[in-house]
mmCIF file of all heavy atoms, coordinates in Angstrom:
data_MODEL
# 
_entry.id   MODEL 
# 
loop_
_atom_site.group_PDB 
_atom_site.id 
_atom_site.type_symbol 
_atom_site.label_atom_id 
_atom_site.label_alt_id 
_atom_site.label_comp_id 
_atom_site.label_asym_id 
_atom_site.label_entity_id 
_atom_site.label_seq_id 
_atom_site.pdbx_PDB_ins_code 
_atom_site.Cartn_x 
_atom_site.Cartn_y 
_atom_site.Cartn_z 
_atom_site.occupancy 
_atom_site.B_iso_or_equiv 
_atom_site.pdbx_formal_charge 
_atom_site.auth_seq_id 
_atom_site.auth_comp_id 
_atom_site.auth_asym_id 
_atom_site.auth_atom_id 
_atom_site.pdbx_PDB_model_num 
ATOM 1   N N   . LEU A 1 1  ? 0.839   -1.184  -0.011  1.00 0.00 ? 1  LEU A N   1 
ATOM 2   C CA  . LEU A 1 1  ? 0.001   0.003   0.009   1.00 0.00 ? 1  LEU A CA  1 
ATOM 3   C C   . LEU A 1 1  ? 0.858   1.249   0.005   1.00 0.00 ? 1  LEU A C   1 
ATOM 4   O O   . LEU A 1 1  ? 1.913   1.284   0.647   1.00 0.00 ? 1  LEU A O   1 
ATOM 5   C CB  . LEU A 1 1  ? -0.853  0.052   1.268   1.00 0.00 ? 1  LEU A CB  1 
ATOM 6   C CG  . LEU A 1 1  ? -1.741  -1.138  1.615   1.00 0.00 ? 1  LEU A CG  1 
ATOM 7   C CD1 . LEU A 1 1  ? -2.339  -0.960  2.997   1.00 0.00 ? 1  LEU A CD1 1 
ATOM 8   C CD2 . LEU A 1 1  ? -2.823  -1.258  0.576   1.00 0.00 ? 1  LEU A CD2 1 
ATOM 9   N N   . LYS A 1 2  ? 0.406   2.244   -0.687  1.00 0.00 ? 2  LYS A N   1 
ATOM 10  C CA  . LYS A 1 2  ? 0.977   3.586   -0.605  1.00 0.00 ? 2  LYS A CA  1 
ATOM 11  C C   . LYS A 1 2  ? -0.212  4.522   -0.535  1.00 0.00 ? 2  LYS A C   1 
ATOM 12  O O   . LYS A 1 2  ? -1.074  4.481   -1.430  1.00 0.00 ? 2  LYS A O   1 
ATOM 13  C CB  . LYS A 1 2  ? 1.859   3.886   -1.816  1.00 0.00 ? 2  LYS A CB  1 
ATOM 14  C CG  . LYS A 1 2  ? 2.635   5.181   -1.706  1.00 0.00 ? 2  LYS A CG  1 
ATOM 15  C CD  . LYS A 1 2  ? 3.631   5.328   -2.843  1.00 0.00 ? 2  LYS A CD  1 
ATOM 16  C CE  . LYS A 1 2  ? 4.435   6.578   -2.703  1.00 0.00 ? 2  LYS A CE  1 
ATOM 17  N NZ  . LYS A 1 2  ? 5.387   6.699   -3.829  1.00 0.00 ? 2  LYS A NZ  1 
ATOM 18  N N   . ILE A 1 3  ? -0.278  5.279   0.564   1.00 0.00 ? 3  ILE A N   1 
ATOM 19  C CA  . ILE A 1 3  ? -1.474  6.085   0.799   1.00 0.00 ? 3  ILE A CA  1 
ATOM 20  C C   . ILE A 1 3  ? -1.090  7.545   1.057   1.00 0.00 ? 3  ILE A C   1 
ATOM 21  O O   . ILE A 1 3  ? -0.190  7.802   1.877   1.00 0.00 ? 3  ILE A O   1 
ATOM 22  C CB  . ILE A 1 3  ? -2.256  5.526   2.019   1.00 0.00 ? 3  ILE A CB  1 
ATOM 23  C CG1 . ILE A 1 3  ? -2.573  4.043   1.818   1.00 0.00 ? 3  ILE A CG1 1 
ATOM 24  C CG2 . ILE A 1 3  ? -3.533  6.335   2.258   1.00 0.00 ? 3  ILE A CG2 1 
ATOM 25  C CD1 . ILE A 1 3  ? -3.034  3.326   3.052   1.00 0.00 ? 3  ILE A CD1 1 
ATOM 26  N N   . GLY A 1 4  ? -1.788  8.446   0.389   1.00 0.00 ? 4  GLY A N   1 
ATOM 27  C CA  . GLY A 1 4  ? -1.643  9.877   0.669   1.00 0.00 ? 4  GLY A CA  1 
ATOM 28  C C   . GLY A 1 4  ? -2.764  10.294  1.606   1.00 0.00 ? 4  GLY A C   1 
ATOM 29  O O   . GLY A 1 4  ? -3.922  10.062  1.305   1.00 0.00 ? 4  GLY A O   1 
ATOM 30  N N   . VAL A 1 5  ? -2.390  10.854  2.745   1.00 0.00 ? 5  VAL A N   1 
ATOM 31  C CA  . VAL A 1 5  ? -3.388  11.225  3.760   1.00 0.00 ? 5  VAL A CA  1 
ATOM 32  C C   . VAL A 1 5  ? -3.410  12.768  3.872   1.00 0.00 ? 5  VAL A C   1 
ATOM 33  O O   . VAL A 1 5  ? -2.374  13.414  4.005   1.00 0.00 ? 5  VAL A O   1 
ATOM 34  C CB  . VAL A 1 5  ? -3.009  10.605  5.139   1.00 0.00 ? 5  VAL A CB  1 
ATOM 35  C CG1 . VAL A 1 5  ? -4.027  11.027  6.205   1.00 0.00 ? 5  VAL A CG1 1 
ATOM 36  C CG2 . VAL A 1 5  ? -2.926  9.086   5.035   1.00 0.00 ? 5  VAL A CG2 1 
ATOM 37  N N   . TRP A 1 6  ? -4.636  13.316  3.828   1.00 0.00 ? 6  TRP A N   1 
ATOM 38  C CA  . TRP A 1 6  ? -4.843  14.771  3.958   1.00 0.00 ? 6  TRP A CA  1 
ATOM 39  C C   . TRP A 1 6  ? -5.994  14.972  4.942   1.00 0.00 ? 6  TRP A C   1 
ATOM 40  O O   . TRP A 1 6  ? -7.077  14.413  4.734   1.00 0.00 ? 6  TRP A O   1 
ATOM 41  C CB  . TRP A 1 6  ? -5.209  15.383  2.618   1.00 0.00 ? 6  TRP A CB  1 
ATOM 42  C CG  . TRP A 1 6  ? -5.448  16.852  2.631   1.00 0.00 ? 6  TRP A CG  1 
ATOM 43  C CD1 . TRP A 1 6  ? -6.618  17.473  3.008   1.00 0.00 ? 6  TRP A CD1 1 
ATOM 44  C CD2 . TRP A 1 6  ? -4.563  17.919  2.281   1.00 0.00 ? 6  TRP A CD2 1 
ATOM 45  N NE1 . TRP A 1 6  ? -6.494  18.845  2.898   1.00 0.00 ? 6  TRP A NE1 1 
ATOM 46  C CE2 . TRP A 1 6  ? -5.245  19.137  2.455   1.00 0.00 ? 6  TRP A CE2 1 
ATOM 47  C CE3 . TRP A 1 6  ? -3.233  17.956  1.827   1.00 0.00 ? 6  TRP A CE3 1 
ATOM 48  C CZ2 . TRP A 1 6  ? -4.651  20.367  2.180   1.00 0.00 ? 6  TRP A CZ2 1 
ATOM 49  C CZ3 . TRP A 1 6  ? -2.666  19.189  1.562   1.00 0.00 ? 6  TRP A CZ3 1 
ATOM 50  C CH2 . TRP A 1 6  ? -3.367  20.377  1.757   1.00 0.00 ? 6  TRP A CH2 1 
ATOM 51  N N   . ASP A 1 7  ? -5.777  15.727  5.975   1.00 0.00 ? 7  ASP A N   1 
ATOM 52  C CA  . ASP A 1 7  ? -6.827  16.084  6.954   1.00 0.00 ? 7  ASP A CA  1 
ATOM 53  C C   . ASP A 1 7  ? -7.560  14.831  7.487   1.00 0.00 ? 7  ASP A C   1 
ATOM 54  O O   . ASP A 1 7  ? -8.761  14.832  7.619   1.00 0.00 ? 7  ASP A O   1 
ATOM 55  C CB  . ASP A 1 7  ? -7.811  17.063  6.294   1.00 0.00 ? 7  ASP A CB  1 
ATOM 56  C CG  . ASP A 1 7  ? -8.674  17.790  7.349   1.00 0.00 ? 7  ASP A CG  1 
ATOM 57  O OD1 . ASP A 1 7  ? -8.293  17.838  8.521   1.00 0.00 ? 7  ASP A OD1 1 
ATOM 58  O OD2 . ASP A 1 7  ? -9.763  18.266  6.968   1.00 0.00 ? 7  ASP A OD2 1 
ATOM 59  N N   . GLY A 1 8  ? -6.781  13.787  7.770   1.00 0.00 ? 8  GLY A N   1 
ATOM 60  C CA  . GLY A 1 8  ? -7.346  12.601  8.400   1.00 0.00 ? 8  GLY A CA  1 
ATOM 61  C C   . GLY A 1 8  ? -8.015  11.612  7.445   1.00 0.00 ? 8  GLY A C   1 
ATOM 62  O O   . GLY A 1 8  ? -8.625  10.641  7.897   1.00 0.00 ? 8  GLY A O   1 
ATOM 63  N N   . LYS A 1 9  ? -7.919  11.867  6.151   1.00 0.00 ? 9  LYS A N   1 
ATOM 64  C CA  . LYS A 1 9  ? -8.538  10.951  5.205   1.00 0.00 ? 9  LYS A CA  1 
ATOM 65  C C   . LYS A 1 9  ? -7.557  10.563  4.087   1.00 0.00 ? 9  LYS A C   1 
ATOM 66  O O   . LYS A 1 9  ? -6.687  11.330  3.718   1.00 0.00 ? 9  LYS A O   1 
ATOM 67  C CB  . LYS A 1 9  ? -9.733  11.633  4.524   1.00 0.00 ? 9  LYS A CB  1 
ATOM 68  C CG  . LYS A 1 9  ? -10.909 11.861  5.455   1.00 0.00 ? 9  LYS A CG  1 
ATOM 69  C CD  . LYS A 1 9  ? -12.209 11.886  4.650   1.00 0.00 ? 9  LYS A CD  1 
ATOM 70  C CE  . LYS A 1 9  ? -13.435 11.981  5.491   1.00 0.00 ? 9  LYS A CE  1 
ATOM 71  N NZ  . LYS A 1 9  ? -13.580 11.016  6.538   1.00 0.00 ? 9  LYS A NZ  1 
ATOM 72  N N   . ALA A 1 10 ? -7.763  9.331   3.552   1.00 0.00 ? 10 ALA A N   1 
ATOM 73  C CA  . ALA A 1 10 ? -6.953  8.891   2.427   1.00 0.00 ? 10 ALA A CA  1 
ATOM 74  C C   . ALA A 1 10 ? -7.447  9.587   1.160   1.00 0.00 ? 10 ALA A C   1 
ATOM 75  O O   . ALA A 1 10 ? -8.596  9.463   0.789   1.00 0.00 ? 10 ALA A O   1 
ATOM 76  C CB  . ALA A 1 10 ? -7.055  7.359   2.280   1.00 0.00 ? 10 ALA A CB  1 
ATOM 77  N N   . VAL A 1 11 ? -6.560  10.327  0.501   1.00 0.00 ? 11 VAL A N   1 
ATOM 78  C CA  . VAL A 1 11 ? -6.944  11.048  -0.725  1.00 0.00 ? 11 VAL A CA  1 
ATOM 79  C C   . VAL A 1 11 ? -6.277  10.467  -1.950  1.00 0.00 ? 11 VAL A C   1 
ATOM 80  O O   . VAL A 1 11 ? -6.692  10.753  -3.069  1.00 0.00 ? 11 VAL A O   1 
ATOM 81  C CB  . VAL A 1 11 ? -6.643  12.571  -0.593  1.00 0.00 ? 11 VAL A CB  1 
ATOM 82  C CG1 . VAL A 1 11 ? -7.514  13.219  0.467   1.00 0.00 ? 11 VAL A CG1 1 
ATOM 83  C CG2 . VAL A 1 11 ? -5.163  12.829  -0.327  1.00 0.00 ? 11 VAL A CG2 1 
ATOM 84  N N   . GLY A 1 12 ? -5.251  9.670   -1.761  1.00 0.00 ? 12 GLY A N   1 
ATOM 85  C CA  . GLY A 1 12 ? -4.590  8.959   -2.852  1.00 0.00 ? 12 GLY A CA  1 
ATOM 86  C C   . GLY A 1 12 ? -4.238  7.579   -2.374  1.00 0.00 ? 12 GLY A C   1 
ATOM 87  O O   . GLY A 1 12 ? -3.670  7.449   -1.295  1.00 0.00 ? 12 GLY A O   1 
ATOM 88  N N   . ILE A 1 13 ? -4.588  6.542   -3.136  1.00 0.00 ? 13 ILE A N   1 
ATOM 89  C CA  . ILE A 1 13 ? -4.322  5.183   -2.706  1.00 0.00 ? 13 ILE A CA  1 
ATOM 90  C C   . ILE A 1 13 ? -3.770  4.367   -3.866  1.00 0.00 ? 13 ILE A C   1 
ATOM 91  O O   . ILE A 1 13 ? -4.349  4.322   -4.936  1.00 0.00 ? 13 ILE A O   1 
ATOM 92  C CB  . ILE A 1 13 ? -5.618  4.496   -2.200  1.00 0.00 ? 13 ILE A CB  1 
ATOM 93  C CG1 . ILE A 1 13 ? -6.329  5.305   -1.131  1.00 0.00 ? 13 ILE A CG1 1 
ATOM 94  C CG2 . ILE A 1 13 ? -5.300  3.078   -1.684  1.00 0.00 ? 13 ILE A CG2 1 
ATOM 95  C CD1 . ILE A 1 13 ? -7.734  4.815   -0.784  1.00 0.00 ? 13 ILE A CD1 1 
ATOM 96  N N   . ASP A 1 14 ? -2.590  3.762   -3.631  1.00 0.00 ? 14 ASP A N   1 
ATOM 97  C CA  . ASP A 1 14 ? -1.997  2.847   -4.599  1.00 0.00 ? 14 ASP A CA  1 
ATOM 98  C C   . ASP A 1 14 ? -1.963  1.467   -3.916  1.00 0.00 ? 14 ASP A C   1 
ATOM 99  O O   . ASP A 1 14 ? -1.427  1.358   -2.797  1.00 0.00 ? 14 ASP A O   1 
ATOM 100 C CB  . ASP A 1 14 ? -0.573  3.256   -4.967  1.00 0.00 ? 14 ASP A CB  1 
ATOM 101 C CG  . ASP A 1 14 ? -0.508  4.602   -5.656  1.00 0.00 ? 14 ASP A CG  1 
ATOM 102 O OD1 . ASP A 1 14 ? -1.508  5.023   -6.264  1.00 0.00 ? 14 ASP A OD1 1 
ATOM 103 O OD2 . ASP A 1 14 ? 0.555   5.244   -5.587  1.00 0.00 ? 14 ASP A OD2 1 
ATOM 104 N N   . VAL A 1 15 ? -2.507  0.459   -4.567  1.00 0.00 ? 15 VAL A N   1 
ATOM 105 C CA  . VAL A 1 15 ? -2.486  -0.899  -4.021  1.00 0.00 ? 15 VAL A CA  1 
ATOM 106 C C   . VAL A 1 15 ? -1.936  -1.842  -5.086  1.00 0.00 ? 15 VAL A C   1 
ATOM 107 O O   . VAL A 1 15 ? -2.382  -1.809  -6.227  1.00 0.00 ? 15 VAL A O   1 
ATOM 108 C CB  . VAL A 1 15 ? -3.913  -1.393  -3.632  1.00 0.00 ? 15 VAL A CB  1 
ATOM 109 C CG1 . VAL A 1 15 ? -3.842  -2.805  -3.068  1.00 0.00 ? 15 VAL A CG1 1 
ATOM 110 C CG2 . VAL A 1 15 ? -4.572  -0.455  -2.635  1.00 0.00 ? 15 VAL A CG2 1 
ATOM 111 N N   . THR A 1 16 ? -0.949  -2.651  -4.736  1.00 0.00 ? 16 THR A N   1 
ATOM 112 C CA  . THR A 1 16 ? -0.460  -3.707  -5.616  1.00 0.00 ? 16 THR A CA  1 
ATOM 113 C C   . THR A 1 16 ? -0.462  -4.996  -4.867  1.00 0.00 ? 16 THR A C   1 
ATOM 114 O O   . THR A 1 16 ? -0.115  -5.029  -3.677  1.00 0.00 ? 16 THR A O   1 
ATOM 115 C CB  . THR A 1 16 ? 0.954   -3.397  -6.178  1.00 0.00 ? 16 THR A CB  1 
ATOM 116 O OG1 . THR A 1 16 ? 1.829   -3.080  -5.077  1.00 0.00 ? 16 THR A OG1 1 
ATOM 117 C CG2 . THR A 1 16 ? 0.961   -2.224  -7.131  1.00 0.00 ? 16 THR A CG2 1 
ATOM 118 N N   . SER A 1 17 ? -0.838  -6.055  -5.550  1.00 0.00 ? 17 SER A N   1 
ATOM 119 C CA  . SER A 1 17 ? -0.841  -7.365  -4.919  1.00 0.00 ? 17 SER A CA  1 
ATOM 120 C C   . SER A 1 17 ? -0.007  -8.340  -5.733  1.00 0.00 ? 17 SER A C   1 
ATOM 121 O O   . SER A 1 17 ? 0.088   -8.198  -6.942  1.00 0.00 ? 17 SER A O   1 
ATOM 122 C CB  . SER A 1 17 ? -2.268  -7.889  -4.755  1.00 0.00 ? 17 SER A CB  1 
ATOM 123 O OG  . SER A 1 17 ? -2.922  -7.899  -6.020  1.00 0.00 ? 17 SER A OG  1 
ATOM 124 N N   . THR A 1 18 ? 0.601   -9.291  -5.045  1.00 0.00 ? 18 THR A N   1 
ATOM 125 C CA  . THR A 1 18 ? 1.368   -10.336 -5.691  1.00 0.00 ? 18 THR A CA  1 
ATOM 126 C C   . THR A 1 18 ? 0.854   -11.657 -5.163  1.00 0.00 ? 18 THR A C   1 
ATOM 127 O O   . THR A 1 18 ? 0.936   -11.880 -3.941  1.00 0.00 ? 18 THR A O   1 
ATOM 128 C CB  . THR A 1 18 ? 2.872   -10.180 -5.352  1.00 0.00 ? 18 THR A CB  1 
ATOM 129 O OG1 . THR A 1 18 ? 3.264   -8.831  -5.587  1.00 0.00 ? 18 THR A OG1 1 
ATOM 130 C CG2 . THR A 1 18 ? 3.716   -11.108 -6.194  1.00 0.00 ? 18 THR A CG2 1 
ATOM 131 N N   . PRO A 1 19 ? 0.322   -12.553 -5.976  1.00 0.00 ? 19 PRO A N   1 
ATOM 132 C CA  . PRO A 1 19 ? 0.093   -12.365 -7.434  1.00 0.00 ? 19 PRO A CA  1 
ATOM 133 C C   . PRO A 1 19 ? -0.969  -11.287 -7.670  1.00 0.00 ? 19 PRO A C   1 
ATOM 134 O O   . PRO A 1 19 ? -1.795  -11.010 -6.799  1.00 0.00 ? 19 PRO A O   1 
ATOM 135 C CB  . PRO A 1 19 ? -0.400  -13.748 -7.894  1.00 0.00 ? 19 PRO A CB  1 
ATOM 136 C CG  . PRO A 1 19 ? -0.956  -14.386 -6.643  1.00 0.00 ? 19 PRO A CG  1 
ATOM 137 C CD  . PRO A 1 19 ? -0.173  -13.848 -5.495  1.00 0.00 ? 19 PRO A CD  1 
ATOM 138 N N   . LYS A 1 20 ? -0.910  -10.684 -8.879  1.00 0.00 ? 20 LYS A N   1 
ATOM 139 C CA  . LYS A 1 20 ? -1.812  -9.588  -9.200  1.00 0.00 ? 20 LYS A CA  1 
ATOM 140 C C   . LYS A 1 20 ? -3.262  -10.027 -9.087  1.00 0.00 ? 20 LYS A C   1 
ATOM 141 O O   . LYS A 1 20 ? -3.652  -11.074 -9.617  1.00 0.00 ? 20 LYS A O   1 
ATOM 142 C CB  . LYS A 1 20 ? -1.501  -9.113  -10.629 1.00 0.00 ? 20 LYS A CB  1 
ATOM 143 C CG  . LYS A 1 20 ? -2.237  -7.832  -10.986 1.00 0.00 ? 20 LYS A CG  1 
ATOM 144 C CD  . LYS A 1 20 ? -1.766  -7.334  -12.349 1.00 0.00 ? 20 LYS A CD  1 
ATOM 145 C CE  . LYS A 1 20 ? -2.263  -5.922  -12.580 1.00 0.00 ? 20 LYS A CE  1 
ATOM 146 N NZ  . LYS A 1 20 ? -3.411  -5.772  -13.394 1.00 0.00 ? 20 LYS A NZ  1 
ATOM 147 N N   . ASN A 1 21 ? -4.058  -9.206  -8.360  1.00 0.00 ? 21 ASN A N   1 
ATOM 148 C CA  . ASN A 1 21 ? -5.471  -9.541  -8.168  1.00 0.00 ? 21 ASN A CA  1 
ATOM 149 C C   . ASN A 1 21 ? -6.240  -8.223  -8.080  1.00 0.00 ? 21 ASN A C   1 
ATOM 150 O O   . ASN A 1 21 ? -6.292  -7.576  -7.041  1.00 0.00 ? 21 ASN A O   1 
ATOM 151 C CB  . ASN A 1 21 ? -5.637  -10.356 -6.861  1.00 0.00 ? 21 ASN A CB  1 
ATOM 152 C CG  . ASN A 1 21 ? -7.066  -10.764 -6.610  1.00 0.00 ? 21 ASN A CG  1 
ATOM 153 O OD1 . ASN A 1 21 ? -8.002  -10.111 -7.069  1.00 0.00 ? 21 ASN A OD1 1 
ATOM 154 N ND2 . ASN A 1 21 ? -7.223  -11.826 -5.853  1.00 0.00 ? 21 ASN A ND2 1 
ATOM 155 N N   . ASP A 1 22 ? -6.818  -7.807  -9.222  1.00 0.00 ? 22 ASP A N   1 
ATOM 156 C CA  . ASP A 1 22 ? -7.517  -6.508  -9.310  1.00 0.00 ? 22 ASP A CA  1 
ATOM 157 C C   . ASP A 1 22 ? -8.688  -6.438  -8.355  1.00 0.00 ? 22 ASP A C   1 
ATOM 158 O O   . ASP A 1 22 ? -8.988  -5.376  -7.794  1.00 0.00 ? 22 ASP A O   1 
ATOM 159 C CB  . ASP A 1 22 ? -7.970  -6.237  -10.742 1.00 0.00 ? 22 ASP A CB  1 
ATOM 160 C CG  . ASP A 1 22 ? -6.787  -5.996  -11.681 1.00 0.00 ? 22 ASP A CG  1 
ATOM 161 O OD1 . ASP A 1 22 ? -5.723  -5.588  -11.196 1.00 0.00 ? 22 ASP A OD1 1 
ATOM 162 O OD2 . ASP A 1 22 ? -6.938  -6.261  -12.885 1.00 0.00 ? 22 ASP A OD2 1 
ATOM 163 N N   . LYS A 1 23 ? -9.405  -7.543  -8.169  1.00 0.00 ? 23 LYS A N   1 
ATOM 164 C CA  . LYS A 1 23 ? -10.560 -7.579  -7.258  1.00 0.00 ? 23 LYS A CA  1 
ATOM 165 C C   . LYS A 1 23 ? -10.105 -7.330  -5.819  1.00 0.00 ? 23 LYS A C   1 
ATOM 166 O O   . LYS A 1 23 ? -10.716 -6.541  -5.082  1.00 0.00 ? 23 LYS A O   1 
ATOM 167 C CB  . LYS A 1 23 ? -11.262 -8.931  -7.383  1.00 0.00 ? 23 LYS A CB  1 
ATOM 168 C CG  . LYS A 1 23 ? -12.663 -8.943  -6.836  1.00 0.00 ? 23 LYS A CG  1 
ATOM 169 C CD  . LYS A 1 23 ? -13.333 -10.280 -7.166  1.00 0.00 ? 23 LYS A CD  1 
ATOM 170 C CE  . LYS A 1 23 ? -14.609 -10.415 -6.369  1.00 0.00 ? 23 LYS A CE  1 
ATOM 171 N NZ  . LYS A 1 23 ? -15.214 -11.727 -6.494  1.00 0.00 ? 23 LYS A NZ  1 
ATOM 172 N N   . LEU A 1 24 ? -9.026  -7.963  -5.424  1.00 0.00 ? 24 LEU A N   1 
ATOM 173 C CA  . LEU A 1 24 ? -8.450  -7.759  -4.076  1.00 0.00 ? 24 LEU A CA  1 
ATOM 174 C C   . LEU A 1 24 ? -8.015  -6.294  -3.933  1.00 0.00 ? 24 LEU A C   1 
ATOM 175 O O   . LEU A 1 24 ? -8.316  -5.646  -2.916  1.00 0.00 ? 24 LEU A O   1 
ATOM 176 C CB  . LEU A 1 24 ? -7.289  -8.699  -3.856  1.00 0.00 ? 24 LEU A CB  1 
ATOM 177 C CG  . LEU A 1 24 ? -6.423  -8.465  -2.601  1.00 0.00 ? 24 LEU A CG  1 
ATOM 178 C CD1 . LEU A 1 24 ? -7.271  -8.661  -1.328  1.00 0.00 ? 24 LEU A CD1 1 
ATOM 179 C CD2 . LEU A 1 24 ? -5.233  -9.421  -2.583  1.00 0.00 ? 24 LEU A CD2 1 
ATOM 180 N N   . ASN A 1 25 ? -7.312  -5.766  -4.925  1.00 0.00 ? 25 ASN A N   1 
ATOM 181 C CA  . ASN A 1 25 ? -6.838  -4.387  -4.871  1.00 0.00 ? 25 ASN A CA  1 
ATOM 182 C C   . ASN A 1 25 ? -7.987  -3.400  -4.691  1.00 0.00 ? 25 ASN A C   1 
ATOM 183 O O   . ASN A 1 25 ? -7.923  -2.475  -3.868  1.00 0.00 ? 25 ASN A O   1 
ATOM 184 C CB  . ASN A 1 25 ? -6.052  -4.027  -6.131  1.00 0.00 ? 25 ASN A CB  1 
ATOM 185 C CG  . ASN A 1 25 ? -4.794  -4.822  -6.280  1.00 0.00 ? 25 ASN A CG  1 
ATOM 186 O OD1 . ASN A 1 25 ? -4.407  -5.602  -5.429  1.00 0.00 ? 25 ASN A OD1 1 
ATOM 187 N ND2 . ASN A 1 25 ? -4.114  -4.650  -7.404  1.00 0.00 ? 25 ASN A ND2 1 
ATOM 188 N N   . ALA A 1 26 ? -9.077  -3.602  -5.444  1.00 0.00 ? 26 ALA A N   1 
ATOM 189 C CA  . ALA A 1 26 ? -10.248 -2.719  -5.351  1.00 0.00 ? 26 ALA A CA  1 
ATOM 190 C C   . ALA A 1 26 ? -10.877 -2.804  -3.977  1.00 0.00 ? 26 ALA A C   1 
ATOM 191 O O   . ALA A 1 26 ? -11.266 -1.796  -3.390  1.00 0.00 ? 26 ALA A O   1 
ATOM 192 C CB  . ALA A 1 26 ? -11.259 -3.075  -6.436  1.00 0.00 ? 26 ALA A CB  1 
ATOM 193 N N   . CYS A 1 27 ? -10.964 -4.027  -3.429  1.00 0.00 ? 27 CYS A N   1 
ATOM 194 C CA  . CYS A 1 27 ? -11.550 -4.211  -2.099  1.00 0.00 ? 27 CYS A CA  1 
ATOM 195 C C   . CYS A 1 27 ? -10.719 -3.517  -1.036  1.00 0.00 ? 27 CYS A C   1 
ATOM 196 O O   . CYS A 1 27 ? -11.258 -2.828  -0.169  1.00 0.00 ? 27 CYS A O   1 
ATOM 197 C CB  . CYS A 1 27 ? -11.666 -5.713  -1.813  1.00 0.00 ? 27 CYS A CB  1 
ATOM 198 S SG  . CYS A 1 27 ? -12.337 -6.075  -0.169  1.00 0.00 ? 27 CYS A SG  1 
# 
């Protein structure tokens, strides 16, 4: 995970999974 936090909330989120799983990343 890489998350940008502004004023107590996540405003930018990068998720990568290995093995790649788009459904997991979205969840």
